[in-house]
Amino acid sequence: MPVGIGIGRGDPLRPAVTRTSRFSGPDGFHPGALWLAAAVPLLATVLLVVRLAA
């Protein structure tokens, strides 16, 4: 479930006010989580190959 950590969304805006999308990611987007999700399987694969090669 996306929680929107660290992107500064704040409270919902009034109906007549729009939010610029220039500097904001989608709700629940967190770059650190994206890097972690990409790095863990790659690291596990490298560790497995090193273990099998030894």
PDB file of N, CA and C in Angstrom:
ATOM      1  N   MET A   1       0.850  -1.178   0.000  1.00  0.00           N
ATOM      2  CA  MET A   1       0.000   0.000   0.000  1.00  0.00           C
ATOM      3  C   MET A   1       0.892   1.236   0.000  1.00  0.00           C
ATOM      4  N   PRO A   2       0.790   2.110  -0.991  1.00  0.00           N
ATOM      5  CA  PRO A   2       1.639   3.299  -1.019  1.00  0.00           C
ATOM      6  C   PRO A   2       1.269   4.264   0.093  1.00  0.00           C
ATOM      7  N   VAL A   3       2.282   4.841   0.702  1.00  0.00           N
ATOM      8  CA  VAL A   3       2.035   5.754   1.811  1.00  0.00           C
ATOM      9  C   VAL A   3       2.516   7.173   1.546  1.00  0.00           C
ATOM     10  N   GLY A   4       3.298   7.390   0.518  1.00  0.00           N
ATOM     11  CA  GLY A   4       3.742   8.736   0.189  1.00  0.00           C
ATOM     12  C   GLY A   4       4.768   9.295   1.156  1.00  0.00           C
ATOM     13  N   ILE A   5       5.747   8.501   1.548  1.00  0.00           N
ATOM     14  CA  ILE A   5       6.754   8.952   2.516  1.00  0.00           C
ATOM     15  C   ILE A   5       7.739   9.890   1.837  1.00  0.00           C
ATOM     16  N   GLY A   6       7.944  11.050   2.436  1.00  0.00           N
ATOM     17  CA  GLY A   6       9.019  11.937   2.019  1.00  0.00           C
ATOM     18  C   GLY A   6       8.810  12.719   0.750  1.00  0.00           C
ATOM     19  N   ILE A   7       7.611  12.795   0.217  1.00  0.00           N
ATOM     20  CA  ILE A   7       7.425  13.558  -1.015  1.00  0.00           C
ATOM     21  C   ILE A   7       6.686  14.859  -0.793  1.00  0.00           C
ATOM     22  N   GLY A   8       6.326  15.176   0.442  1.00  0.00           N
ATOM     23  CA  GLY A   8       5.779  16.478   0.762  1.00  0.00           C
ATOM     24  C   GLY A   8       4.422  16.786   0.158  1.00  0.00           C
ATOM     25  N   ARG A   9       3.574  15.825   0.055  1.00  0.00           N
ATOM     26  CA  ARG A   9       2.259  16.059  -0.531  1.00  0.00           C
ATOM     27  C   ARG A   9       1.367  16.886   0.382  1.00  0.00           C
ATOM     28  N   GLY A  10       1.411  16.613   1.671  1.00  0.00           N
ATOM     29  CA  GLY A  10       0.608  17.381   2.615  1.00  0.00           C
ATOM     30  C   GLY A  10      -0.869  17.060   2.525  1.00  0.00           C
ATOM     31  N   ASP A  11      -1.683  17.990   3.001  1.00  0.00           N
ATOM     32  CA  ASP A  11      -3.126  17.803   2.997  1.00  0.00           C
ATOM     33  C   ASP A  11      -3.689  17.908   1.586  1.00  0.00           C
ATOM     34  N   PRO A  12      -4.839  17.276   1.336  1.00  0.00           N
ATOM     35  CA  PRO A  12      -5.478  17.421   0.023  1.00  0.00           C
ATOM     36  C   PRO A  12      -5.836  18.880  -0.249  1.00  0.00           C
ATOM     37  N   LEU A  13      -5.727  19.268  -1.489  1.00  0.00           N
ATOM     38  CA  LEU A  13      -6.009  20.651  -1.866  1.00  0.00           C
ATOM     39  C   LEU A  13      -7.503  20.882  -2.067  1.00  0.00           C
ATOM     40  N   ARG A  14      -7.887  22.152  -2.049  1.00  0.00           N
ATOM     41  CA  ARG A  14      -9.283  22.507  -2.337  1.00  0.00           C
ATOM     42  C   ARG A  14      -9.593  22.154  -3.789  1.00  0.00           C
ATOM     43  N   PRO A  15     -10.868  21.959  -4.131  1.00  0.00           N
ATOM     44  CA  PRO A  15     -11.219  21.551  -5.501  1.00  0.00           C
ATOM     45  C   PRO A  15     -10.752  22.517  -6.586  1.00  0.00           C
ATOM     46  N   ALA A  16     -10.669  23.804  -6.309  1.00  0.00           N
ATOM     47  CA  ALA A  16     -10.299  24.779  -7.333  1.00  0.00           C
ATOM     48  C   ALA A  16      -8.785  24.928  -7.490  1.00  0.00           C
ATOM     49  N   VAL A  17      -7.994  24.318  -6.601  1.00  0.00           N
ATOM     50  CA  VAL A  17      -6.543  24.471  -6.618  1.00  0.00           C
ATOM     51  C   VAL A  17      -5.924  23.236  -7.238  1.00  0.00           C
ATOM     52  N   THR A  18      -4.972  23.448  -8.142  1.00  0.00           N
ATOM     53  CA  THR A  18      -4.280  22.316  -8.773  1.00  0.00           C
ATOM     54  C   THR A  18      -2.839  22.257  -8.264  1.00  0.00           C
ATOM     55  N   ARG A  19      -2.275  21.085  -8.288  1.00  0.00           N
ATOM     56  CA  ARG A  19      -0.898  20.864  -7.867  1.00  0.00           C
ATOM     57  C   ARG A  19      -0.046  20.684  -9.111  1.00  0.00           C
ATOM     58  N   THR A  20       1.064  21.394  -9.177  1.00  0.00           N
ATOM     59  CA  THR A  20       1.965  21.236 -10.315  1.00  0.00           C
ATOM     60  C   THR A  20       2.640  19.862 -10.247  1.00  0.00           C
ATOM     61  N   SER A  21       2.786  19.224 -11.383  1.00  0.00           N
ATOM     62  CA  SER A  21       3.400  17.898 -11.399  1.00  0.00           C
ATOM     63  C   SER A  21       4.879  17.969 -11.755  1.00  0.00           C
ATOM     64  N   ARG A  22       5.436  19.164 -11.836  1.00  0.00           N
ATOM     65  CA  ARG A  22       6.820  19.308 -12.272  1.00  0.00           C
ATOM     66  C   ARG A  22       7.819  18.665 -11.315  1.00  0.00           C
ATOM     67  N   PHE A  23       7.634  18.855 -10.017  1.00  0.00           N
ATOM     68  CA  PHE A  23       8.590  18.349  -9.045  1.00  0.00           C
ATOM     69  C   PHE A  23       7.992  17.294  -8.125  1.00  0.00           C
ATOM     70  N   SER A  24       6.923  16.690  -8.498  1.00  0.00           N
ATOM     71  CA  SER A  24       6.300  15.716  -7.601  1.00  0.00           C
ATOM     72  C   SER A  24       6.097  14.387  -8.312  1.00  0.00           C
ATOM     73  N   GLY A  25       6.382  13.315  -7.585  1.00  0.00           N
ATOM     74  CA  GLY A  25       6.162  11.983  -8.119  1.00  0.00           C
ATOM     75  C   GLY A  25       4.729  11.552  -7.864  1.00  0.00           C
ATOM     76  N   PRO A  26       4.361  10.397  -8.345  1.00  0.00           N
ATOM     77  CA  PRO A  26       3.013   9.892  -8.074  1.00  0.00           C
ATOM     78  C   PRO A  26       2.848   9.557  -6.596  1.00  0.00           C
ATOM     79  N   ASP A  27       1.634   9.428  -6.127  1.00  0.00           N
ATOM     80  CA  ASP A  27       1.395   9.093  -4.728  1.00  0.00           C
ATOM     81  C   ASP A  27       2.081   7.775  -4.394  1.00  0.00           C
ATOM     82  N   GLY A  28       2.836   7.769  -3.303  1.00  0.00           N
ATOM     83  CA  GLY A  28       3.503   6.562  -2.857  1.00  0.00           C
ATOM     84  C   GLY A  28       4.824   6.279  -3.543  1.00  0.00           C
ATOM     85  N   PHE A  29       5.329   7.188  -4.339  1.00  0.00           N
ATOM     86  CA  PHE A  29       6.602   6.985  -5.026  1.00  0.00           C
ATOM     87  C   PHE A  29       7.746   7.356  -4.095  1.00  0.00           C
ATOM     88  N   HIS A  30       8.729   6.489  -3.972  1.00  0.00           N
ATOM     89  CA  HIS A  30       9.881   6.765  -3.119  1.00  0.00           C
ATOM     90  C   HIS A  30      11.126   6.250  -3.834  1.00  0.00           C
ATOM     91  N   PRO A  31      12.026   7.138  -4.278  1.00  0.00           N
ATOM     92  CA  PRO A  31      13.190   6.709  -5.058  1.00  0.00           C
ATOM     93  C   PRO A  31      14.079   5.700  -4.327  1.00  0.00           C
ATOM     94  N   GLY A  32      14.239   5.857  -3.024  1.00  0.00           N
ATOM     95  CA  GLY A  32      15.065   4.905  -2.273  1.00  0.00           C
ATOM     96  C   GLY A  32      14.495   3.502  -2.314  1.00  0.00           C
ATOM     97  N   ALA A  33      13.181   3.397  -2.220  1.00  0.00           N
ATOM     98  CA  ALA A  33      12.542   2.080  -2.290  1.00  0.00           C
ATOM     99  C   ALA A  33      12.710   1.469  -3.678  1.00  0.00           C
ATOM    100  N   LEU A  34      12.691   2.305  -4.701  1.00  0.00           N
ATOM    101  CA  LEU A  34      12.888   1.813  -6.064  1.00  0.00           C
ATOM    102  C   LEU A  34      14.293   1.246  -6.233  1.00  0.00           C
ATOM    103  N   TRP A  35      15.298   1.958  -5.744  1.00  0.00           N
ATOM    104  CA  TRP A  35      16.670   1.467  -5.827  1.00  0.00           C
ATOM    105  C   TRP A  35      16.843   0.176  -5.029  1.00  0.00           C
ATOM    106  N   LEU A  36      16.255   0.123  -3.855  1.00  0.00           N
ATOM    107  CA  LEU A  36      16.360  -1.075  -3.028  1.00  0.00           C
ATOM    108  C   LEU A  36      15.700  -2.268  -3.710  1.00  0.00           C
ATOM    109  N   ALA A  37      14.534  -2.053  -4.288  1.00  0.00           N
ATOM    110  CA  ALA A  37      13.825  -3.136  -4.967  1.00  0.00           C
ATOM    111  C   ALA A  37      14.602  -3.640  -6.184  1.00  0.00           C
ATOM    112  N   ALA A  38      15.360  -2.784  -6.821  1.00  0.00           N
ATOM    113  CA  ALA A  38      16.158  -3.199  -7.972  1.00  0.00           C
ATOM    114  C   ALA A  38      17.478  -3.842  -7.544  1.00  0.00           C
ATOM    115  N   ALA A  39      18.048  -3.372  -6.445  1.00  0.00           N
ATOM    116  CA  ALA A  39      19.383  -3.830  -6.051  1.00  0.00           C
ATOM    117  C   ALA A  39      19.379  -5.184  -5.351  1.00  0.00           C
ATOM    118  N   VAL A  40      18.353  -5.494  -4.585  1.00  0.00           N
ATOM    119  CA  VAL A  40      18.359  -6.728  -3.796  1.00  0.00           C
ATOM    120  C   VAL A  40      18.409  -7.984  -4.678  1.00  0.00           C
ATOM    121  N   PRO A  41      17.580  -8.119  -5.709  1.00  0.00           N
ATOM    122  CA  PRO A  41      17.706  -9.326  -6.548  1.00  0.00           C
ATOM    123  C   PRO A  41      19.050  -9.407  -7.282  1.00  0.00           C
ATOM    124  N   LEU A  42      19.580  -8.265  -7.697  1.00  0.00           N
ATOM    125  CA  LEU A  42      20.880  -8.282  -8.370  1.00  0.00           C
ATOM    126  C   LEU A  42      21.984  -8.711  -7.407  1.00  0.00           C
ATOM    127  N   LEU A  43      21.954  -8.198  -6.200  1.00  0.00           N
ATOM    128  CA  LEU A  43      22.945  -8.591  -5.200  1.00  0.00           C
ATOM    129  C   LEU A  43      22.828 -10.071  -4.860  1.00  0.00           C
ATOM    130  N   ALA A  44      21.609 -10.570  -4.732  1.00  0.00           N
ATOM    131  CA  ALA A  44      21.414 -11.990  -4.439  1.00  0.00           C
ATOM    132  C   ALA A  44      21.958 -12.861  -5.565  1.00  0.00           C
ATOM    133  N   THR A  45      21.758 -12.438  -6.800  1.00  0.00           N
ATOM    134  CA  THR A  45      22.274 -13.199  -7.948  1.00  0.00           C
ATOM    135  C   THR A  45      23.802 -13.219  -7.943  1.00  0.00           C
ATOM    136  N   VAL A  46      24.407 -12.068  -7.691  1.00  0.00           N
ATOM    137  CA  VAL A  46      25.870 -12.001  -7.656  1.00  0.00           C
ATOM    138  C   VAL A  46      26.409 -12.878  -6.522  1.00  0.00           C
ATOM    139  N   LEU A  47      25.803 -12.815  -5.363  1.00  0.00           N
ATOM    140  CA  LEU A  47      26.255 -13.656  -4.254  1.00  0.00           C
ATOM    141  C   LEU A  47      26.107 -15.133  -4.561  1.00  0.00           C
ATOM    142  N   LEU A  48      25.043 -15.515  -5.231  1.00  0.00           N
ATOM    143  CA  LEU A  48      24.844 -16.911  -5.604  1.00  0.00           C
ATOM    144  C   LEU A  48      25.901 -17.365  -6.608  1.00  0.00           C
ATOM    145  N   VAL A  49      26.209 -16.564  -7.584  1.00  0.00           N
ATOM    146  CA  VAL A  49      27.230 -16.916  -8.574  1.00  0.00           C
ATOM    147  C   VAL A  49      28.589 -17.040  -7.907  1.00  0.00           C
ATOM    148  N   VAL A  50      28.920 -16.139  -6.994  1.00  0.00           N
ATOM    149  CA  VAL A  50      30.204 -16.207  -6.289  1.00  0.00           C
ATOM    150  C   VAL A  50      30.256 -17.476  -5.435  1.00  0.00           C
ATOM    151  N   ARG A  51      29.176 -17.800  -4.792  1.00  0.00           N
ATOM    152  CA  ARG A  51      29.142 -19.010  -3.956  1.00  0.00           C
ATOM    153  C   ARG A  51      29.308 -20.273  -4.792  1.00  0.00           C
ATOM    154  N   LEU A  52      28.652 -20.313  -5.964  1.00  0.00           N
ATOM    155  CA  LEU A  52      28.756 -21.490  -6.823  1.00  0.00           C
ATOM    156  C   LEU A  52      30.132 -21.584  -7.475  1.00  0.00           C
ATOM    157  N   ALA A  53      30.788 -20.453  -7.702  1.00  0.00           N
ATOM    158  CA  ALA A  53      32.108 -20.465  -8.341  1.00  0.00           C
ATOM    159  C   ALA A  53      33.205 -20.878  -7.365  1.00  0.00           C
ATOM    160  N   ALA A  54      32.970 -20.719  -6.096  1.00  0.00           N
ATOM    161  CA  ALA A  54      34.009 -21.023  -5.105  1.00  0.00           C
ATOM    162  C   ALA A  54      34.066 -22.500  -4.770  1.00  0.00           C
TER     163      ALA A  54
END
